[in-house]
Amino acid sequence: NVTVRHIEFIHDPKDNMAGKVIPKDPSSMMAIFRVQRARNFTIDSSTLYGSGVHIIAVNGDVSDIYITNNRIVYPRLAPTTATDTLLFDNVALSIYANGGRVAGNTFSAPIAARARTAIESHAQPIVITDNRIEGFRTGITLVST
């Protein structure tokens, strides 16, 4: 059992302010939380600013994940040149788990950031309720497992 509560995490390295993701370069993926092999994991009442593919990535033998009452911000800047990273398959919260709850969170991104998806869930059962999503191309993607 792990609970993370009342933290502010700003994940936008100075050498990657645009959140540039380089295909096949795992060091550019940048996740604030990568949760694997966990039971009863909670992130609550925190503020997370992320610039990579996932702000929170939950996968690999995980059950009972609770993401509640957080502010999750994807501040990635818009591309400035033709060689900058354009739209890519980023997901602020990616969940592959057995059971959980995503409730009371605010997901936000500036439209210019071209953020793809706020929540993607491959979890069953899962409750997704009372969340606010601003600026993402897709709010919630549910995938049957």
C-alpha atoms as a PDB file:
ATOM      1  CA  ASN A   1       0.000   0.000   0.000  1.00  0.00           C
ATOM      2  CA  VAL A   2       1.426   3.360  -1.062  1.00  0.00           C
ATOM      3  CA  THR A   3      -0.187   6.790  -0.769  1.00  0.00           C
ATOM      4  CA  VAL A   4       1.296   9.946  -2.278  1.00  0.00           C
ATOM      5  CA  ARG A   5      -0.491  13.052  -1.089  1.00  0.00           C
ATOM      6  CA  HIS A   6      -0.073  16.865  -1.249  1.00  0.00           C
ATOM      7  CA  ILE A   7       2.958  17.145  -3.516  1.00  0.00           C
ATOM      8  CA  GLU A   8       3.751  19.521  -6.354  1.00  0.00           C
ATOM      9  CA  PHE A   9       5.929  18.086  -9.082  1.00  0.00           C
ATOM     10  CA  ILE A  10       7.158  20.122 -12.044  1.00  0.00           C
ATOM     11  CA  HIS A  11       8.631  17.854 -14.696  1.00  0.00           C
ATOM     12  CA  ASP A  12       9.877  19.999 -17.533  1.00  0.00           C
ATOM     13  CA  PRO A  13      13.649  19.755 -17.762  1.00  0.00           C
ATOM     14  CA  LYS A  14      15.380  22.939 -18.822  1.00  0.00           C
ATOM     15  CA  ASP A  15      16.971  21.194 -21.812  1.00  0.00           C
ATOM     16  CA  ASN A  16      13.588  19.957 -23.007  1.00  0.00           C
ATOM     17  CA  MET A  17      11.220  22.853 -22.367  1.00  0.00           C
ATOM     18  CA  ALA A  18       9.184  21.995 -25.456  1.00  0.00           C
ATOM     19  CA  GLY A  19       8.570  18.467 -24.167  1.00  0.00           C
ATOM     20  CA  LYS A  20      10.142  17.131 -27.353  1.00  0.00           C
ATOM     21  CA  VAL A  21       9.745  13.361 -27.626  1.00  0.00           C
ATOM     22  CA  ILE A  22      12.215  11.530 -29.845  1.00  0.00           C
ATOM     23  CA  PRO A  23      10.923   8.233 -31.262  1.00  0.00           C
ATOM     24  CA  LYS A  24      12.898   5.200 -30.016  1.00  0.00           C
ATOM     25  CA  ASP A  25      14.643   7.293 -27.319  1.00  0.00           C
ATOM     26  CA  PRO A  26      13.244   6.102 -23.954  1.00  0.00           C
ATOM     27  CA  SER A  27      14.966   8.973 -22.125  1.00  0.00           C
ATOM     28  CA  SER A  28      12.625  11.423 -23.864  1.00  0.00           C
ATOM     29  CA  MET A  29       9.460   9.629 -22.694  1.00  0.00           C
ATOM     30  CA  MET A  30       9.390  11.384 -19.285  1.00  0.00           C
ATOM     31  CA  ALA A  31       6.790  10.128 -16.795  1.00  0.00           C
ATOM     32  CA  ILE A  32       6.364  11.607 -13.309  1.00  0.00           C
ATOM     33  CA  PHE A  33       4.941   8.367 -11.891  1.00  0.00           C
ATOM     34  CA  ARG A  34       5.586   4.949 -13.396  1.00  0.00           C
ATOM     35  CA  VAL A  35       3.714   2.390 -11.294  1.00  0.00           C
ATOM     36  CA  GLN A  36       4.378  -1.341 -11.698  1.00  0.00           C
ATOM     37  CA  ARG A  37       3.662  -4.357  -9.481  1.00  0.00           C
ATOM     38  CA  ALA A  38       1.611  -2.457  -6.939  1.00  0.00           C
ATOM     39  CA  ARG A  39      -1.506  -3.024  -4.848  1.00  0.00           C
ATOM     40  CA  ASN A  40      -3.642  -0.221  -3.438  1.00  0.00           C
ATOM     41  CA  PHE A  41      -1.676   2.737  -4.836  1.00  0.00           C
ATOM     42  CA  THR A  42      -3.044   6.264  -4.324  1.00  0.00           C
ATOM     43  CA  ILE A  43      -2.072   9.681  -5.692  1.00  0.00           C
ATOM     44  CA  ASP A  44      -4.243  12.290  -3.990  1.00  0.00           C
ATOM     45  CA  SER A  45      -4.490  16.072  -3.729  1.00  0.00           C
ATOM     46  CA  SER A  46      -1.321  16.751  -5.708  1.00  0.00           C
ATOM     47  CA  THR A  47      -0.301  19.020  -8.593  1.00  0.00           C
ATOM     48  CA  LEU A  48       1.656  17.422 -11.426  1.00  0.00           C
ATOM     49  CA  TYR A  49       3.132  19.295 -14.405  1.00  0.00           C
ATOM     50  CA  GLY A  50       4.469  16.899 -17.032  1.00  0.00           C
ATOM     51  CA  SER A  51       5.898  17.219 -20.503  1.00  0.00           C
ATOM     52  CA  GLY A  52       6.465  13.685 -21.777  1.00  0.00           C
ATOM     53  CA  VAL A  53       4.355  10.889 -23.171  1.00  0.00           C
ATOM     54  CA  HIS A  54       2.674  10.062 -19.849  1.00  0.00           C
ATOM     55  CA  ILE A  55       2.428  12.071 -16.656  1.00  0.00           C
ATOM     56  CA  ILE A  56       1.234   8.963 -14.791  1.00  0.00           C
ATOM     57  CA  ALA A  57       1.802   5.484 -16.280  1.00  0.00           C
ATOM     58  CA  VAL A  58       0.291   2.498 -14.468  1.00  0.00           C
ATOM     59  CA  ASN A  59       0.952  -0.963 -15.900  1.00  0.00           C
ATOM     60  CA  GLY A  60       2.251  -4.410 -15.096  1.00  0.00           C
ATOM     61  CA  ASP A  61       0.541  -6.417 -12.333  1.00  0.00           C
ATOM     62  CA  VAL A  62      -1.211  -3.466 -10.674  1.00  0.00           C
ATOM     63  CA  SER A  63      -4.520  -3.531  -8.841  1.00  0.00           C
ATOM     64  CA  ASP A  64      -6.626  -0.988  -6.987  1.00  0.00           C
ATOM     65  CA  ILE A  65      -5.209   2.281  -8.283  1.00  0.00           C
ATOM     66  CA  TYR A  66      -6.724   5.531  -6.971  1.00  0.00           C
ATOM     67  CA  ILE A  67      -6.021   8.853  -8.689  1.00  0.00           C
ATOM     68  CA  THR A  68      -8.107  11.421  -6.807  1.00  0.00           C
ATOM     69  CA  ASN A  69      -8.408  15.192  -6.362  1.00  0.00           C
ATOM     70  CA  ASN A  70      -5.297  16.089  -8.368  1.00  0.00           C
ATOM     71  CA  ARG A  71      -4.435  18.859 -10.780  1.00  0.00           C
ATOM     72  CA  ILE A  72      -2.665  17.312 -13.773  1.00  0.00           C
ATOM     73  CA  VAL A  73      -1.231  19.787 -16.274  1.00  0.00           C
ATOM     74  CA  TYR A  74       0.395  19.125 -19.617  1.00  0.00           C
ATOM     75  CA  PRO A  75       2.219  22.415 -20.361  1.00  0.00           C
ATOM     76  CA  ARG A  76       4.080  21.249 -23.480  1.00  0.00           C
ATOM     77  CA  LEU A  77       4.703  24.145 -25.819  1.00  0.00           C
ATOM     78  CA  ALA A  78       3.607  24.195 -29.432  1.00  0.00           C
ATOM     79  CA  PRO A  79       6.214  23.211 -32.040  1.00  0.00           C
ATOM     80  CA  THR A  80       8.328  26.134 -33.190  1.00  0.00           C
ATOM     81  CA  THR A  81       9.939  24.607 -36.277  1.00  0.00           C
ATOM     82  CA  ALA A  82       9.096  21.929 -38.806  1.00  0.00           C
ATOM     83  CA  THR A  83      11.498  19.525 -37.066  1.00  0.00           C
ATOM     84  CA  ASP A  84       9.921  19.891 -33.612  1.00  0.00           C
ATOM     85  CA  THR A  85       7.696  17.128 -32.334  1.00  0.00           C
ATOM     86  CA  LEU A  86       4.174  17.577 -33.617  1.00  0.00           C
ATOM     87  CA  LEU A  87       1.129  15.655 -32.466  1.00  0.00           C
ATOM     88  CA  PHE A  88       2.077  12.330 -30.879  1.00  0.00           C
ATOM     89  CA  ASP A  89       0.239   9.724 -28.869  1.00  0.00           C
ATOM     90  CA  ASN A  90       0.585  11.147 -25.381  1.00  0.00           C
ATOM     91  CA  VAL A  91      -1.765  10.292 -22.512  1.00  0.00           C
ATOM     92  CA  ALA A  92      -1.695  12.232 -19.241  1.00  0.00           C
ATOM     93  CA  LEU A  93      -2.966   9.221 -17.242  1.00  0.00           C
ATOM     94  CA  SER A  94      -2.496   5.744 -18.708  1.00  0.00           C
ATOM     95  CA  ILE A  95      -3.926   2.855 -16.665  1.00  0.00           C
ATOM     96  CA  TYR A  96      -3.506  -0.882 -17.238  1.00  0.00           C
ATOM     97  CA  ALA A  97      -4.746  -2.265 -13.924  1.00  0.00           C
ATOM     98  CA  ASN A  98      -7.233  -4.492 -12.182  1.00  0.00           C
ATOM     99  CA  GLY A  99      -9.637  -2.073 -10.571  1.00  0.00           C
ATOM    100  CA  GLY A 100      -9.440   1.511  -9.473  1.00  0.00           C
ATOM    101  CA  ARG A 101     -10.968   4.949  -9.273  1.00  0.00           C
ATOM    102  CA  VAL A 102     -10.154   8.200 -11.093  1.00  0.00           C
ATOM    103  CA  ALA A 103     -12.199  10.939  -9.443  1.00  0.00           C
ATOM    104  CA  GLY A 104     -12.203  14.653  -8.706  1.00  0.00           C
ATOM    105  CA  ASN A 105      -9.181  15.479 -10.883  1.00  0.00           C
ATOM    106  CA  THR A 106      -8.589  18.397 -13.237  1.00  0.00           C
ATOM    107  CA  PHE A 107      -6.665  17.627 -16.436  1.00  0.00           C
ATOM    108  CA  SER A 108      -5.584  20.674 -18.417  1.00  0.00           C
ATOM    109  CA  ALA A 109      -3.436  21.498 -21.423  1.00  0.00           C
ATOM    110  CA  PRO A 110      -3.216  24.568 -23.641  1.00  0.00           C
ATOM    111  CA  ILE A 111      -4.811  23.902 -27.026  1.00  0.00           C
ATOM    112  CA  ALA A 112      -1.503  24.780 -28.715  1.00  0.00           C
ATOM    113  CA  ALA A 113       0.189  21.890 -26.872  1.00  0.00           C
ATOM    114  CA  ARG A 114      -1.746  19.452 -29.080  1.00  0.00           C
ATOM    115  CA  ALA A 115      -2.122  17.042 -26.173  1.00  0.00           C
ATOM    116  CA  ARG A 116      -3.872  13.856 -27.294  1.00  0.00           C
ATOM    117  CA  THR A 117      -5.712  12.144 -24.396  1.00  0.00           C
ATOM    118  CA  ALA A 118      -6.319  13.001 -20.738  1.00  0.00           C
ATOM    119  CA  ILE A 119      -7.286   9.512 -19.480  1.00  0.00           C
ATOM    120  CA  GLU A 120      -6.796   6.147 -21.168  1.00  0.00           C
ATOM    121  CA  SER A 121      -7.989   3.122 -19.238  1.00  0.00           C
ATOM    122  CA  HIS A 122      -7.477  -0.560 -19.881  1.00  0.00           C
ATOM    123  CA  ALA A 123      -8.618  -1.286 -16.302  1.00  0.00           C
ATOM    124  CA  GLN A 124     -11.587  -3.373 -15.254  1.00  0.00           C
ATOM    125  CA  PRO A 125     -13.452  -2.601 -13.151  1.00  0.00           C
ATOM    126  CA  ILE A 126     -12.768   1.140 -12.993  1.00  0.00           C
ATOM    127  CA  VAL A 127     -14.774   4.152 -11.871  1.00  0.00           C
ATOM    128  CA  ILE A 128     -14.079   7.443 -13.661  1.00  0.00           C
ATOM    129  CA  THR A 129     -16.186  10.231 -12.180  1.00  0.00           C
ATOM    130  CA  ASP A 130     -16.260  13.956 -11.406  1.00  0.00           C
ATOM    131  CA  ASN A 131     -13.163  14.880 -13.451  1.00  0.00           C
ATOM    132  CA  ARG A 132     -12.668  18.095 -15.426  1.00  0.00           C
ATOM    133  CA  ILE A 133     -10.781  17.912 -18.747  1.00  0.00           C
ATOM    134  CA  GLU A 134      -9.651  21.024 -20.644  1.00  0.00           C
ATOM    135  CA  GLY A 135      -7.681  21.369 -23.891  1.00  0.00           C
ATOM    136  CA  PHE A 136      -7.092  17.706 -24.764  1.00  0.00           C
ATOM    137  CA  ARG A 137      -8.126  16.365 -28.180  1.00  0.00           C
ATOM    138  CA  THR A 138      -9.755  13.357 -26.484  1.00  0.00           C
ATOM    139  CA  GLY A 139     -10.996  13.389 -22.917  1.00  0.00           C
ATOM    140  CA  ILE A 140     -11.293   9.687 -22.083  1.00  0.00           C
ATOM    141  CA  THR A 141     -10.412   6.583 -24.065  1.00  0.00           C
ATOM    142  CA  LEU A 142     -11.742   3.285 -22.676  1.00  0.00           C
ATOM    143  CA  VAL A 143     -10.259   0.086 -24.030  1.00  0.00           C
ATOM    144  CA  SER A 144     -11.663  -3.330 -23.198  1.00  0.00           C
ATOM    145  CA  THR A 145      -9.195  -5.826 -21.774  1.00  0.00           C
END
